[in-house]
Amino acid sequence: MTEVALAPLELVLVTIWLMLPAYLANTIASIVGGGPPIDYGRNWNDGQRILGDGKTWNGLIGGTVGGLLVGHLQITAGADFFSDCYCYVSWGSSPYLIFFLLAFGALAGDMAASFIKRRQGQERGSKSPLLDMYDFIIGALVLTGLFGGGWLEYWFFSGWPSHGWVPLITLIIATPILHRSVNILGYKLGVKQVPW
């Protein structure tokens, strides 16, 4: 892959673009959710639900497939998006593996946050600002880091020395803004029960 020096704003946009399968997986899961909960109504040994009614098989499967579809649409939009800044076919792993890991990882992170909140006795929809804002992106990064064949390390840590920490800082700053904006929109459209 030809390494191209990017201006900071370009790199911010590329970072958000690359993370779209993760960002949109949760949104799609909210839209297509419903049906049987993943924990089938069972309680943990503390007497609280394992995950709760908000985490359903429809949401998990639909959000994961939705993330794959988002990635497919990104490829269809053109691998030369942002000129020659990046190209999905040069990721070293199958782009669809990366899309899957980002999408499923985001949903797994969200489920992990629900599990933690249930252990703390919090009800579904209760506010937990840091956990709610970063759970899905941490899940996506962890899963992609473990199984993505070096893609995460290249894009966010060791690739293109001129990039420094801009991609990671972008995720730290952009994630809460995008998360809150999408949740407010989902609440106003009736897709989400709470605006956070």
C-alpha atoms as a PDB file:
ATOM      1  CA  MET A   1       0.000   0.000   0.000  1.00  0.00           C
ATOM      2  CA  THR A   2       1.263   3.474  -0.876  1.00  0.00           C
ATOM      3  CA  GLU A   3       1.575   5.504   2.274  1.00  0.00           C
ATOM      4  CA  VAL A   4       0.108   8.968   1.882  1.00  0.00           C
ATOM      5  CA  ALA A   5       0.658  11.782   4.340  1.00  0.00           C
ATOM      6  CA  LEU A   6      -2.707  13.122   5.430  1.00  0.00           C
ATOM      7  CA  ALA A   7      -3.610  16.489   6.844  1.00  0.00           C
ATOM      8  CA  PRO A   8      -5.047  16.156  10.378  1.00  0.00           C
ATOM      9  CA  LEU A   9      -8.618  16.931   9.236  1.00  0.00           C
ATOM     10  CA  GLU A  10      -8.356  14.348   6.450  1.00  0.00           C
ATOM     11  CA  LEU A  11      -7.142  11.784   8.966  1.00  0.00           C
ATOM     12  CA  VAL A  12     -10.052  12.573  11.293  1.00  0.00           C
ATOM     13  CA  LEU A  13     -12.496  11.966   8.431  1.00  0.00           C
ATOM     14  CA  VAL A  14     -10.733   8.768   7.338  1.00  0.00           C
ATOM     15  CA  THR A  15     -10.773   7.469  10.932  1.00  0.00           C
ATOM     16  CA  ILE A  16     -14.527   8.037  11.249  1.00  0.00           C
ATOM     17  CA  TRP A  17     -15.050   6.499   7.797  1.00  0.00           C
ATOM     18  CA  LEU A  18     -13.085   3.381   8.756  1.00  0.00           C
ATOM     19  CA  MET A  19     -15.106   2.951  11.955  1.00  0.00           C
ATOM     20  CA  LEU A  20     -18.539   3.301  10.316  1.00  0.00           C
ATOM     21  CA  PRO A  21     -19.309  -0.450  10.494  1.00  0.00           C
ATOM     22  CA  ALA A  22     -18.839  -0.224  14.287  1.00  0.00           C
ATOM     23  CA  TYR A  23     -20.630   3.100  14.699  1.00  0.00           C
ATOM     24  CA  LEU A  24     -23.659   2.053  12.667  1.00  0.00           C
ATOM     25  CA  ALA A  25     -23.965  -1.534  13.966  1.00  0.00           C
ATOM     26  CA  ASN A  26     -25.518  -0.302  17.229  1.00  0.00           C
ATOM     27  CA  THR A  27     -27.911   1.992  15.399  1.00  0.00           C
ATOM     28  CA  ILE A  28     -29.016  -0.802  13.082  1.00  0.00           C
ATOM     29  CA  ALA A  29     -29.386  -3.161  16.064  1.00  0.00           C
ATOM     30  CA  SER A  30     -31.766  -0.649  17.690  1.00  0.00           C
ATOM     31  CA  ILE A  31     -33.849  -0.443  14.520  1.00  0.00           C
ATOM     32  CA  VAL A  32     -34.131  -4.201  13.877  1.00  0.00           C
ATOM     33  CA  GLY A  33     -34.091  -5.302  17.536  1.00  0.00           C
ATOM     34  CA  GLY A  34     -36.916  -6.927  19.386  1.00  0.00           C
ATOM     35  CA  GLY A  35     -37.794 -10.551  19.728  1.00  0.00           C
ATOM     36  CA  PRO A  36     -36.263 -12.995  22.189  1.00  0.00           C
ATOM     37  CA  PRO A  37     -33.587 -11.574  24.489  1.00  0.00           C
ATOM     38  CA  ILE A  38     -30.134 -13.141  24.299  1.00  0.00           C
ATOM     39  CA  ASP A  39     -30.290 -14.127  27.971  1.00  0.00           C
ATOM     40  CA  TYR A  40     -33.788 -15.646  27.474  1.00  0.00           C
ATOM     41  CA  GLY A  41     -34.935 -13.854  30.640  1.00  0.00           C
ATOM     42  CA  ARG A  42     -32.491 -15.697  32.881  1.00  0.00           C
ATOM     43  CA  ASN A  43     -30.869 -14.178  35.955  1.00  0.00           C
ATOM     44  CA  TRP A  44     -27.215 -14.221  36.987  1.00  0.00           C
ATOM     45  CA  ASN A  45     -26.265 -15.655  40.383  1.00  0.00           C
ATOM     46  CA  ASP A  46     -26.822 -12.185  41.915  1.00  0.00           C
ATOM     47  CA  GLY A  47     -30.534 -12.395  41.108  1.00  0.00           C
ATOM     48  CA  GLN A  48     -30.362  -9.723  38.382  1.00  0.00           C
ATOM     49  CA  ARG A  49     -30.918 -10.317  34.673  1.00  0.00           C
ATOM     50  CA  ILE A  50     -27.813 -11.375  32.770  1.00  0.00           C
ATOM     51  CA  LEU A  51     -28.267  -8.736  30.042  1.00  0.00           C
ATOM     52  CA  GLY A  52     -31.895  -7.624  30.007  1.00  0.00           C
ATOM     53  CA  ASP A  53     -34.631  -7.338  27.407  1.00  0.00           C
ATOM     54  CA  GLY A  54     -32.762  -4.707  25.374  1.00  0.00           C
ATOM     55  CA  LYS A  55     -30.195  -7.183  24.069  1.00  0.00           C
ATOM     56  CA  THR A  56     -31.942  -9.431  21.569  1.00  0.00           C
ATOM     57  CA  TRP A  57     -30.919 -11.988  18.978  1.00  0.00           C
ATOM     58  CA  ASN A  58     -32.586  -9.871  16.273  1.00  0.00           C
ATOM     59  CA  GLY A  59     -30.474  -6.884  17.293  1.00  0.00           C
ATOM     60  CA  LEU A  60     -27.233  -8.868  17.504  1.00  0.00           C
ATOM     61  CA  ILE A  61     -27.677 -10.609  14.164  1.00  0.00           C
ATOM     62  CA  GLY A  62     -29.257  -7.607  12.431  1.00  0.00           C
ATOM     63  CA  GLY A  63     -26.620  -5.186  13.730  1.00  0.00           C
ATOM     64  CA  THR A  64     -23.777  -7.480  12.673  1.00  0.00           C
ATOM     65  CA  VAL A  65     -25.240  -8.029   9.202  1.00  0.00           C
ATOM     66  CA  GLY A  66     -25.947  -4.288   9.020  1.00  0.00           C
ATOM     67  CA  GLY A  67     -22.292  -3.512   9.824  1.00  0.00           C
ATOM     68  CA  LEU A  68     -21.198  -5.913   7.071  1.00  0.00           C
ATOM     69  CA  LEU A  69     -23.597  -4.186   4.671  1.00  0.00           C
ATOM     70  CA  VAL A  70     -22.251  -0.751   5.642  1.00  0.00           C
ATOM     71  CA  GLY A  71     -18.722  -1.991   4.889  1.00  0.00           C
ATOM     72  CA  HIS A  72     -19.858  -3.452   1.588  1.00  0.00           C
ATOM     73  CA  LEU A  73     -21.436  -0.114   0.653  1.00  0.00           C
ATOM     74  CA  GLN A  74     -18.184   1.634   1.585  1.00  0.00           C
ATOM     75  CA  ILE A  75     -16.297  -0.599  -0.850  1.00  0.00           C
ATOM     76  CA  THR A  76     -18.984  -0.056  -3.477  1.00  0.00           C
ATOM     77  CA  ALA A  77     -18.650   3.710  -2.992  1.00  0.00           C
ATOM     78  CA  GLY A  78     -15.102   3.323  -4.275  1.00  0.00           C
ATOM     79  CA  ALA A  79     -11.831   2.150  -2.810  1.00  0.00           C
ATOM     80  CA  ASP A  80     -10.301   5.487  -3.849  1.00  0.00           C
ATOM     81  CA  PHE A  81     -12.500   7.449  -1.429  1.00  0.00           C
ATOM     82  CA  PHE A  82     -10.475  10.401  -0.118  1.00  0.00           C
ATOM     83  CA  SER A  83      -8.282  10.037  -3.226  1.00  0.00           C
ATOM     84  CA  ASP A  84      -5.620   7.410  -2.549  1.00  0.00           C
ATOM     85  CA  CYS A  85      -5.616   7.826   1.246  1.00  0.00           C
ATOM     86  CA  TYR A  86      -6.538   4.222   1.842  1.00  0.00           C
ATOM     87  CA  CYS A  87      -7.823   1.180   0.078  1.00  0.00           C
ATOM     88  CA  TYR A  88      -9.842  -1.609   1.663  1.00  0.00           C
ATOM     89  CA  VAL A  89      -8.254  -4.256  -0.530  1.00  0.00           C
ATOM     90  CA  SER A  90      -4.850  -3.455   1.011  1.00  0.00           C
ATOM     91  CA  TRP A  91      -5.805  -4.244   4.595  1.00  0.00           C
ATOM     92  CA  GLY A  92      -3.910  -7.498   4.705  1.00  0.00           C
ATOM     93  CA  SER A  93      -7.047  -9.288   5.942  1.00  0.00           C
ATOM     94  CA  SER A  94     -10.314  -9.743   4.147  1.00  0.00           C
ATOM     95  CA  PRO A  95     -12.222  -6.462   4.355  1.00  0.00           C
ATOM     96  CA  TYR A  96     -15.325  -8.471   5.295  1.00  0.00           C
ATOM     97  CA  LEU A  97     -13.509  -9.982   8.259  1.00  0.00           C
ATOM     98  CA  ILE A  98     -12.689  -6.447   9.433  1.00  0.00           C
ATOM     99  CA  PHE A  99     -16.293  -5.311   8.901  1.00  0.00           C
ATOM    100  CA  PHE A 100     -17.534  -8.305  10.888  1.00  0.00           C
ATOM    101  CA  LEU A 101     -15.074  -7.742  13.729  1.00  0.00           C
ATOM    102  CA  LEU A 102     -15.914  -4.035  13.947  1.00  0.00           C
ATOM    103  CA  ALA A 103     -19.680  -4.604  13.876  1.00  0.00           C
ATOM    104  CA  PHE A 104     -19.863  -7.694  16.091  1.00  0.00           C
ATOM    105  CA  GLY A 105     -17.225  -6.235  18.417  1.00  0.00           C
ATOM    106  CA  ALA A 106     -19.302  -3.071  18.849  1.00  0.00           C
ATOM    107  CA  LEU A 107     -22.362  -5.118  19.778  1.00  0.00           C
ATOM    108  CA  ALA A 108     -20.315  -7.381  22.077  1.00  0.00           C
ATOM    109  CA  GLY A 109     -18.966  -4.282  23.831  1.00  0.00           C
ATOM    110  CA  ASP A 110     -22.500  -2.991  24.266  1.00  0.00           C
ATOM    111  CA  MET A 111     -23.578  -6.351  25.726  1.00  0.00           C
ATOM    112  CA  ALA A 112     -20.596  -6.318  28.102  1.00  0.00           C
ATOM    113  CA  ALA A 113     -21.691  -2.870  29.307  1.00  0.00           C
ATOM    114  CA  SER A 114     -25.233  -4.180  29.874  1.00  0.00           C
ATOM    115  CA  PHE A 115     -23.819  -7.091  31.855  1.00  0.00           C
ATOM    116  CA  ILE A 116     -21.811  -4.676  34.042  1.00  0.00           C
ATOM    117  CA  LYS A 117     -24.811  -2.396  34.544  1.00  0.00           C
ATOM    118  CA  ARG A 118     -27.020  -5.322  35.574  1.00  0.00           C
ATOM    119  CA  ARG A 119     -24.358  -6.377  38.113  1.00  0.00           C
ATOM    120  CA  GLN A 120     -24.500  -2.841  39.529  1.00  0.00           C
ATOM    121  CA  GLY A 121     -28.272  -3.124  39.848  1.00  0.00           C
ATOM    122  CA  GLN A 122     -28.958  -0.552  37.124  1.00  0.00           C
ATOM    123  CA  GLU A 123     -32.125  -0.952  35.132  1.00  0.00           C
ATOM    124  CA  ARG A 124     -32.320  -1.002  31.340  1.00  0.00           C
ATOM    125  CA  GLY A 125     -31.907   2.508  29.951  1.00  0.00           C
ATOM    126  CA  SER A 126     -30.234   3.869  33.076  1.00  0.00           C
ATOM    127  CA  LYS A 127     -27.518   6.428  32.473  1.00  0.00           C
ATOM    128  CA  SER A 128     -23.862   5.472  32.797  1.00  0.00           C
ATOM    129  CA  PRO A 129     -22.093   8.144  30.721  1.00  0.00           C
ATOM    130  CA  LEU A 130     -18.566   6.809  30.155  1.00  0.00           C
ATOM    131  CA  LEU A 131     -19.668   3.193  29.887  1.00  0.00           C
ATOM    132  CA  ASP A 132     -22.496   4.047  27.478  1.00  0.00           C
ATOM    133  CA  MET A 133     -20.300   6.234  25.257  1.00  0.00           C
ATOM    134  CA  TYR A 134     -17.268   3.999  24.862  1.00  0.00           C
ATOM    135  CA  ASP A 135     -18.494   0.422  25.398  1.00  0.00           C
ATOM    136  CA  PHE A 136     -19.154  -0.350  21.754  1.00  0.00           C
ATOM    137  CA  ILE A 137     -16.003   1.280  20.379  1.00  0.00           C
ATOM    138  CA  ILE A 138     -13.822  -0.532  22.946  1.00  0.00           C
ATOM    139  CA  GLY A 139     -15.479  -3.828  22.002  1.00  0.00           C
ATOM    140  CA  ALA A 140     -14.881  -3.149  18.306  1.00  0.00           C
ATOM    141  CA  LEU A 141     -11.225  -2.223  18.863  1.00  0.00           C
ATOM    142  CA  VAL A 142     -10.510  -5.191  21.144  1.00  0.00           C
ATOM    143  CA  LEU A 143     -12.054  -7.784  18.812  1.00  0.00           C
ATOM    144  CA  THR A 144     -10.443  -6.261  15.722  1.00  0.00           C
ATOM    145  CA  GLY A 145      -7.119  -6.007  17.532  1.00  0.00           C
ATOM    146  CA  LEU A 146      -7.249  -9.679  18.505  1.00  0.00           C
ATOM    147  CA  PHE A 147      -8.407 -11.176  15.217  1.00  0.00           C
ATOM    148  CA  GLY A 148      -7.918  -8.517  12.526  1.00  0.00           C
ATOM    149  CA  GLY A 149      -4.489  -9.586  11.301  1.00  0.00           C
ATOM    150  CA  GLY A 150      -2.693  -6.355  12.240  1.00  0.00           C
ATOM    151  CA  TRP A 151      -5.261  -4.004  10.674  1.00  0.00           C
ATOM    152  CA  LEU A 152      -5.975  -2.155  13.925  1.00  0.00           C
ATOM    153  CA  GLU A 153      -2.320  -1.792  14.820  1.00  0.00           C
ATOM    154  CA  TYR A 154      -1.522  -0.427  11.371  1.00  0.00           C
ATOM    155  CA  TRP A 155      -4.329   2.099  11.177  1.00  0.00           C
ATOM    156  CA  PHE A 156      -4.403   3.300  14.752  1.00  0.00           C
ATOM    157  CA  PHE A 157      -0.984   2.751  16.259  1.00  0.00           C
ATOM    158  CA  SER A 158       2.061   1.917  14.150  1.00  0.00           C
ATOM    159  CA  GLY A 159       1.240   2.723  10.522  1.00  0.00           C
ATOM    160  CA  TRP A 160       2.109   5.952   8.824  1.00  0.00           C
ATOM    161  CA  PRO A 161       4.404   7.566  11.407  1.00  0.00           C
ATOM    162  CA  SER A 162       3.188  11.040  10.428  1.00  0.00           C
ATOM    163  CA  HIS A 163      -0.240  10.174  11.840  1.00  0.00           C
ATOM    164  CA  GLY A 164       0.853   9.909  15.445  1.00  0.00           C
ATOM    165  CA  TRP A 165      -2.069   9.603  17.835  1.00  0.00           C
ATOM    166  CA  VAL A 166      -4.618  11.443  15.682  1.00  0.00           C
ATOM    167  CA  PRO A 167      -6.796   8.369  14.926  1.00  0.00           C
ATOM    168  CA  LEU A 168      -7.035   7.336  18.587  1.00  0.00           C
ATOM    169  CA  ILE A 169      -7.666  10.902  19.759  1.00  0.00           C
ATOM    170  CA  THR A 170     -10.321  11.199  17.034  1.00  0.00           C
ATOM    171  CA  LEU A 171     -12.133   8.157  18.440  1.00  0.00           C
ATOM    172  CA  ILE A 172     -11.927   9.498  21.997  1.00  0.00           C
ATOM    173  CA  ILE A 173     -13.409  12.865  20.977  1.00  0.00           C
ATOM    174  CA  ALA A 174     -15.720  11.915  18.106  1.00  0.00           C
ATOM    175  CA  THR A 175     -17.318   8.834  19.678  1.00  0.00           C
ATOM    176  CA  PRO A 176     -19.248  10.652  22.453  1.00  0.00           C
ATOM    177  CA  ILE A 177     -20.397  13.363  20.020  1.00  0.00           C
ATOM    178  CA  LEU A 178     -21.578  10.895  17.373  1.00  0.00           C
ATOM    179  CA  HIS A 179     -23.048   8.538  19.966  1.00  0.00           C
ATOM    180  CA  ARG A 180     -25.076  11.268  21.657  1.00  0.00           C
ATOM    181  CA  SER A 181     -26.251  12.770  18.357  1.00  0.00           C
ATOM    182  CA  VAL A 182     -27.429   9.430  16.970  1.00  0.00           C
ATOM    183  CA  ASN A 183     -29.152   8.527  20.255  1.00  0.00           C
ATOM    184  CA  ILE A 184     -31.035  11.839  20.367  1.00  0.00           C
ATOM    185  CA  LEU A 185     -32.128  11.295  16.770  1.00  0.00           C
ATOM    186  CA  GLY A 186     -33.164   7.702  17.550  1.00  0.00           C
ATOM    187  CA  TYR A 187     -35.137   8.888  20.570  1.00  0.00           C
ATOM    188  CA  LYS A 188     -36.963  11.521  18.525  1.00  0.00           C
ATOM    189  CA  LEU A 189     -37.760   8.938  15.862  1.00  0.00           C
ATOM    190  CA  GLY A 190     -39.080   6.521  18.504  1.00  0.00           C
ATOM    191  CA  VAL A 191     -36.394   3.893  17.901  1.00  0.00           C
ATOM    192  CA  LYS A 192     -34.750   4.382  21.323  1.00  0.00           C
ATOM    193  CA  GLN A 193     -36.490   4.626  24.689  1.00  0.00           C
ATOM    194  CA  VAL A 194     -33.989   7.119  26.104  1.00  0.00           C
ATOM    195  CA  PRO A 195     -31.875   9.853  24.433  1.00  0.00           C
ATOM    196  CA  TRP A 196     -28.526   8.498  25.711  1.00  0.00           C
END
